[in-house]
N, C-alpha and C. Protein backbone atom coordinates (compact mmCIF):
# COMPACT_ATOMS: atom_id res chain seq x y z
N MET A 1 23.88 -122.09 -79.45
CA MET A 1 24.23 -120.84 -78.87
C MET A 1 23.18 -120.44 -77.84
N ILE A 2 23.61 -119.80 -76.80
CA ILE A 2 22.64 -119.45 -75.67
C ILE A 2 22.88 -117.97 -75.65
N ASP A 3 21.72 -117.18 -75.71
CA ASP A 3 21.79 -115.78 -75.51
C ASP A 3 21.53 -115.43 -73.94
N CYS A 4 22.32 -114.68 -73.36
CA CYS A 4 22.18 -114.28 -72.06
C CYS A 4 22.05 -112.91 -71.88
N TYR A 5 20.96 -112.44 -71.10
CA TYR A 5 20.78 -111.03 -70.79
C TYR A 5 20.91 -110.85 -69.28
N PHE A 6 21.71 -109.84 -69.06
CA PHE A 6 21.85 -109.50 -67.57
C PHE A 6 21.93 -108.07 -67.36
N LYS A 7 21.56 -107.48 -66.27
CA LYS A 7 21.62 -106.24 -66.00
C LYS A 7 22.34 -106.03 -64.67
N ILE A 8 23.33 -105.15 -64.72
CA ILE A 8 24.17 -104.85 -63.52
C ILE A 8 23.52 -103.58 -62.92
N SER A 9 23.30 -103.59 -61.60
CA SER A 9 22.72 -102.54 -60.98
C SER A 9 23.81 -101.53 -60.50
N THR A 10 23.40 -100.34 -60.40
CA THR A 10 24.26 -99.33 -59.98
C THR A 10 24.14 -98.93 -58.54
N MET A 11 25.04 -98.29 -57.94
CA MET A 11 25.00 -97.99 -56.53
C MET A 11 25.70 -96.71 -56.23
N ARG A 12 25.05 -95.81 -55.69
CA ARG A 12 25.78 -94.41 -55.39
C ARG A 12 26.34 -94.67 -53.96
N LEU A 13 27.63 -94.29 -53.80
CA LEU A 13 28.34 -94.34 -52.64
C LEU A 13 28.50 -93.08 -51.91
N SER A 14 28.31 -93.10 -50.55
CA SER A 14 28.68 -91.98 -49.75
C SER A 14 30.19 -91.91 -49.80
N PHE A 15 30.67 -90.71 -49.24
CA PHE A 15 32.12 -90.52 -49.31
C PHE A 15 32.78 -91.63 -48.44
N ALA A 16 32.03 -91.88 -47.18
CA ALA A 16 32.54 -92.82 -46.29
C ALA A 16 32.70 -94.22 -46.94
N GLN A 17 31.66 -94.71 -47.62
CA GLN A 17 31.67 -95.87 -48.32
C GLN A 17 32.74 -96.07 -49.25
N TRP A 18 32.85 -94.94 -50.14
CA TRP A 18 33.88 -94.87 -51.25
C TRP A 18 35.37 -94.90 -50.71
N PHE A 19 35.49 -94.06 -49.65
CA PHE A 19 36.81 -94.00 -49.09
C PHE A 19 37.34 -95.34 -48.44
N LYS A 20 36.45 -96.02 -47.73
CA LYS A 20 36.67 -97.37 -47.19
C LYS A 20 37.01 -98.31 -48.40
N LEU A 21 36.26 -98.30 -49.40
CA LEU A 21 36.41 -99.10 -50.47
C LEU A 21 37.87 -98.93 -51.12
N ARG A 22 38.15 -97.64 -51.45
CA ARG A 22 39.46 -97.46 -52.06
C ARG A 22 40.43 -97.74 -51.11
N ARG A 23 40.50 -97.58 -49.84
CA ARG A 23 41.50 -97.88 -48.83
C ARG A 23 41.75 -99.50 -48.90
N ASP A 24 40.62 -100.14 -48.93
CA ASP A 24 40.62 -101.55 -48.94
C ASP A 24 41.34 -102.12 -50.28
N VAL A 25 41.02 -101.37 -51.36
CA VAL A 25 41.56 -101.82 -52.70
C VAL A 25 43.09 -101.61 -52.72
N ILE A 26 43.53 -100.54 -52.19
CA ILE A 26 44.98 -100.31 -52.13
C ILE A 26 45.71 -100.87 -51.12
N GLY A 27 44.98 -101.50 -50.02
CA GLY A 27 45.72 -102.27 -48.98
C GLY A 27 46.46 -101.39 -47.88
N LEU A 28 45.94 -100.29 -47.61
CA LEU A 28 46.55 -99.45 -46.56
C LEU A 28 45.67 -99.50 -45.37
N THR A 29 46.24 -99.25 -44.16
CA THR A 29 45.52 -99.09 -42.91
C THR A 29 45.04 -97.71 -42.64
N GLN A 30 44.20 -97.47 -41.85
CA GLN A 30 43.79 -96.05 -41.46
C GLN A 30 44.92 -95.38 -40.95
N THR A 31 45.75 -95.97 -40.14
CA THR A 31 47.02 -95.42 -39.60
C THR A 31 48.03 -94.96 -40.64
N GLU A 32 48.14 -95.84 -41.56
CA GLU A 32 49.25 -95.43 -42.71
C GLU A 32 48.69 -94.26 -43.57
N ILE A 33 47.56 -94.30 -43.90
CA ILE A 33 46.94 -93.12 -44.60
C ILE A 33 46.91 -91.85 -43.70
N ALA A 34 46.72 -91.97 -42.43
CA ALA A 34 46.79 -90.75 -41.55
C ALA A 34 48.23 -90.22 -41.51
N LYS A 35 49.13 -91.04 -41.39
CA LYS A 35 50.56 -90.64 -41.36
C LYS A 35 50.87 -89.92 -42.57
N LYS A 36 50.54 -90.40 -43.81
CA LYS A 36 50.91 -89.90 -45.03
C LYS A 36 50.35 -88.52 -45.23
N ILE A 37 49.17 -88.19 -44.71
CA ILE A 37 48.60 -86.94 -45.03
C ILE A 37 48.60 -86.09 -43.78
N GLY A 38 49.18 -86.60 -42.65
CA GLY A 38 49.36 -85.70 -41.44
C GLY A 38 48.11 -85.46 -40.67
N VAL A 39 47.33 -86.49 -40.43
CA VAL A 39 46.16 -86.38 -39.54
C VAL A 39 46.17 -87.52 -38.64
N ARG A 40 45.32 -87.54 -37.63
CA ARG A 40 45.22 -88.60 -36.61
C ARG A 40 44.52 -89.81 -37.14
N PRO A 41 44.92 -91.01 -36.75
CA PRO A 41 44.18 -92.17 -37.39
C PRO A 41 42.69 -92.14 -36.96
N GLN A 42 42.35 -91.56 -35.89
CA GLN A 42 40.97 -91.43 -35.46
C GLN A 42 40.18 -90.56 -36.60
N THR A 43 40.83 -89.60 -37.09
CA THR A 43 40.13 -88.71 -38.11
C THR A 43 40.04 -89.60 -39.31
N VAL A 44 40.82 -90.46 -39.71
CA VAL A 44 40.57 -91.27 -40.94
C VAL A 44 39.35 -92.32 -40.51
N SER A 45 39.30 -92.82 -39.32
CA SER A 45 38.37 -93.62 -38.95
C SER A 45 36.91 -92.98 -38.98
N ASN A 46 36.88 -91.62 -38.46
CA ASN A 46 35.72 -90.91 -38.65
C ASN A 46 35.18 -90.72 -39.96
N TRP A 47 36.14 -90.50 -40.94
CA TRP A 47 35.63 -90.38 -42.34
C TRP A 47 35.01 -91.63 -42.76
N GLU A 48 35.71 -92.78 -42.38
CA GLU A 48 35.07 -94.00 -43.00
C GLU A 48 33.62 -94.42 -42.19
N GLN A 49 33.49 -93.88 -40.98
CA GLN A 49 32.09 -94.24 -40.38
C GLN A 49 31.12 -93.08 -40.59
N GLY A 50 31.50 -92.01 -41.46
CA GLY A 50 30.69 -90.99 -41.74
C GLY A 50 30.34 -90.04 -40.73
N VAL A 51 31.24 -90.03 -39.66
CA VAL A 51 31.18 -89.07 -38.56
C VAL A 51 31.53 -87.69 -38.97
N SER A 52 32.61 -87.57 -39.83
CA SER A 52 33.05 -86.36 -40.43
C SER A 52 33.56 -86.54 -41.69
N SER A 53 33.75 -85.34 -42.31
CA SER A 53 34.25 -85.31 -43.79
C SER A 53 35.61 -84.73 -43.80
N PRO A 54 36.50 -84.96 -44.66
CA PRO A 54 37.81 -84.39 -44.64
C PRO A 54 37.77 -82.92 -44.87
N SER A 55 38.52 -82.32 -43.98
CA SER A 55 38.85 -80.84 -44.08
C SER A 55 40.30 -80.70 -44.25
N LEU A 56 40.84 -80.69 -45.57
CA LEU A 56 42.17 -80.77 -45.91
C LEU A 56 42.66 -79.56 -46.70
N ASN A 57 43.99 -79.27 -46.51
CA ASN A 57 44.56 -78.14 -47.40
C ASN A 57 44.86 -78.76 -48.77
N PRO A 58 45.17 -77.99 -49.72
CA PRO A 58 45.36 -78.36 -51.14
C PRO A 58 46.50 -79.37 -51.19
N GLU A 59 47.63 -79.16 -50.45
CA GLU A 59 48.62 -80.25 -50.47
C GLU A 59 48.16 -81.56 -50.00
N GLN A 60 47.47 -81.63 -48.82
CA GLN A 60 46.81 -82.78 -48.30
C GLN A 60 45.93 -83.49 -49.34
N VAL A 61 45.12 -82.67 -50.10
CA VAL A 61 44.29 -83.18 -50.97
C VAL A 61 45.01 -83.91 -52.12
N MET A 62 46.03 -83.40 -52.52
CA MET A 62 46.86 -83.93 -53.77
C MET A 62 47.51 -85.24 -53.27
N ILE A 63 48.00 -85.14 -51.90
CA ILE A 63 48.59 -86.51 -51.41
C ILE A 63 47.57 -87.51 -51.21
N LEU A 64 46.30 -87.20 -50.88
CA LEU A 64 45.34 -88.12 -50.73
C LEU A 64 44.88 -88.79 -52.20
N CYS A 65 44.89 -87.98 -53.15
CA CYS A 65 44.57 -88.35 -54.44
C CYS A 65 45.68 -89.49 -54.78
N SER A 66 46.85 -89.09 -54.51
CA SER A 66 48.01 -90.03 -54.87
C SER A 66 47.88 -91.40 -54.11
N ILE A 67 47.67 -91.28 -52.81
CA ILE A 67 47.53 -92.46 -52.00
C ILE A 67 46.41 -93.32 -52.59
N LEU A 68 45.22 -92.76 -52.79
CA LEU A 68 43.98 -93.51 -53.24
C LEU A 68 44.06 -93.80 -54.69
N GLN A 69 45.14 -93.33 -55.40
CA GLN A 69 45.28 -93.60 -56.82
C GLN A 69 43.97 -93.23 -57.65
N VAL A 70 43.71 -92.04 -57.40
CA VAL A 70 42.50 -91.32 -58.19
C VAL A 70 42.85 -89.97 -58.47
N GLY A 71 42.18 -89.43 -59.53
CA GLY A 71 42.28 -88.10 -59.95
C GLY A 71 41.56 -87.08 -59.11
N LEU A 72 41.97 -85.74 -59.13
CA LEU A 72 41.17 -84.85 -58.41
C LEU A 72 39.70 -84.82 -58.64
N LYS A 73 39.30 -84.96 -59.87
CA LYS A 73 37.89 -85.10 -60.37
C LYS A 73 37.09 -86.19 -59.42
N ASP A 74 37.69 -87.32 -59.38
CA ASP A 74 37.05 -88.44 -58.76
C ASP A 74 36.93 -88.20 -57.26
N LEU A 75 38.06 -87.57 -56.76
CA LEU A 75 38.00 -87.35 -55.34
C LEU A 75 36.79 -86.23 -54.98
N VAL A 76 36.84 -85.28 -55.79
CA VAL A 76 35.64 -84.22 -55.63
C VAL A 76 34.35 -84.89 -55.73
N GLN A 77 34.19 -85.84 -56.74
CA GLN A 77 32.88 -86.47 -56.92
C GLN A 77 32.53 -87.26 -55.61
N ALA A 78 33.63 -87.91 -55.02
CA ALA A 78 33.46 -88.65 -53.82
C ALA A 78 32.99 -87.83 -52.60
N PHE A 79 33.67 -86.58 -52.55
CA PHE A 79 33.34 -85.68 -51.47
C PHE A 79 31.82 -85.34 -51.58
N LYS A 80 31.29 -85.16 -52.73
CA LYS A 80 30.01 -84.88 -52.99
C LYS A 80 29.02 -85.95 -52.86
N GLY A 81 29.44 -87.15 -52.67
CA GLY A 81 28.69 -88.33 -52.59
C GLY A 81 28.14 -88.65 -53.97
N GLU A 82 28.81 -88.27 -55.16
CA GLU A 82 28.35 -88.58 -56.39
C GLU A 82 29.04 -89.81 -57.09
N MET A 83 29.77 -90.60 -56.39
CA MET A 83 30.50 -91.71 -56.97
C MET A 83 29.52 -92.80 -57.19
N VAL A 84 29.42 -93.40 -58.38
CA VAL A 84 28.51 -94.46 -58.75
C VAL A 84 29.32 -95.67 -59.17
N VAL A 85 29.00 -96.84 -58.61
CA VAL A 85 29.70 -98.05 -59.13
C VAL A 85 28.67 -98.93 -59.80
N GLY A 86 29.05 -99.73 -60.73
CA GLY A 86 28.22 -100.64 -61.57
C GLY A 86 27.81 -99.99 -62.75
N SER A 87 26.89 -100.58 -63.44
CA SER A 87 26.39 -100.19 -64.81
C SER A 87 24.96 -100.43 -64.88
N ASN A 88 24.28 -99.48 -65.44
CA ASN A 88 22.80 -99.74 -65.57
C ASN A 88 22.43 -100.06 -67.16
N GLN A 89 23.47 -100.47 -67.85
CA GLN A 89 23.31 -100.93 -69.13
C GLN A 89 23.03 -102.32 -69.36
N GLU A 90 22.03 -102.68 -70.11
CA GLU A 90 21.78 -104.12 -70.37
C GLU A 90 22.85 -104.76 -71.36
N GLU A 91 23.27 -105.85 -70.88
CA GLU A 91 24.35 -106.63 -71.65
C GLU A 91 23.67 -107.86 -72.37
N ASN A 92 24.18 -108.06 -73.46
CA ASN A 92 23.76 -109.21 -74.33
C ASN A 92 24.90 -110.10 -74.64
N GLU A 93 25.11 -111.18 -74.22
CA GLU A 93 26.17 -112.07 -74.49
C GLU A 93 25.62 -113.32 -75.11
N THR A 94 26.42 -113.64 -76.24
CA THR A 94 26.11 -114.97 -76.85
C THR A 94 27.19 -115.96 -76.59
N PHE A 95 26.77 -117.11 -76.13
CA PHE A 95 27.70 -118.16 -75.84
C PHE A 95 27.40 -119.36 -76.73
């Protein structure tokens, strides 16, 4: 048997990074998302570049949650730049 120890690092994402990652995961274009929530494609591009942050009404927020397949809590955390990916727990695997 071989004991393997590894540590997965964590990374805090800005809203721009998180939004781009979610969009890529679900496979939609900026234009498709823009049409679904009623904004211009350039607006979505600006979000991904960190030029601006979303300023949406409650209905648009709920639509965005649905599109990105996330809950409202996750979307709020992303707006705050509090989304973390990865894990800082040490893992021990035996092979």
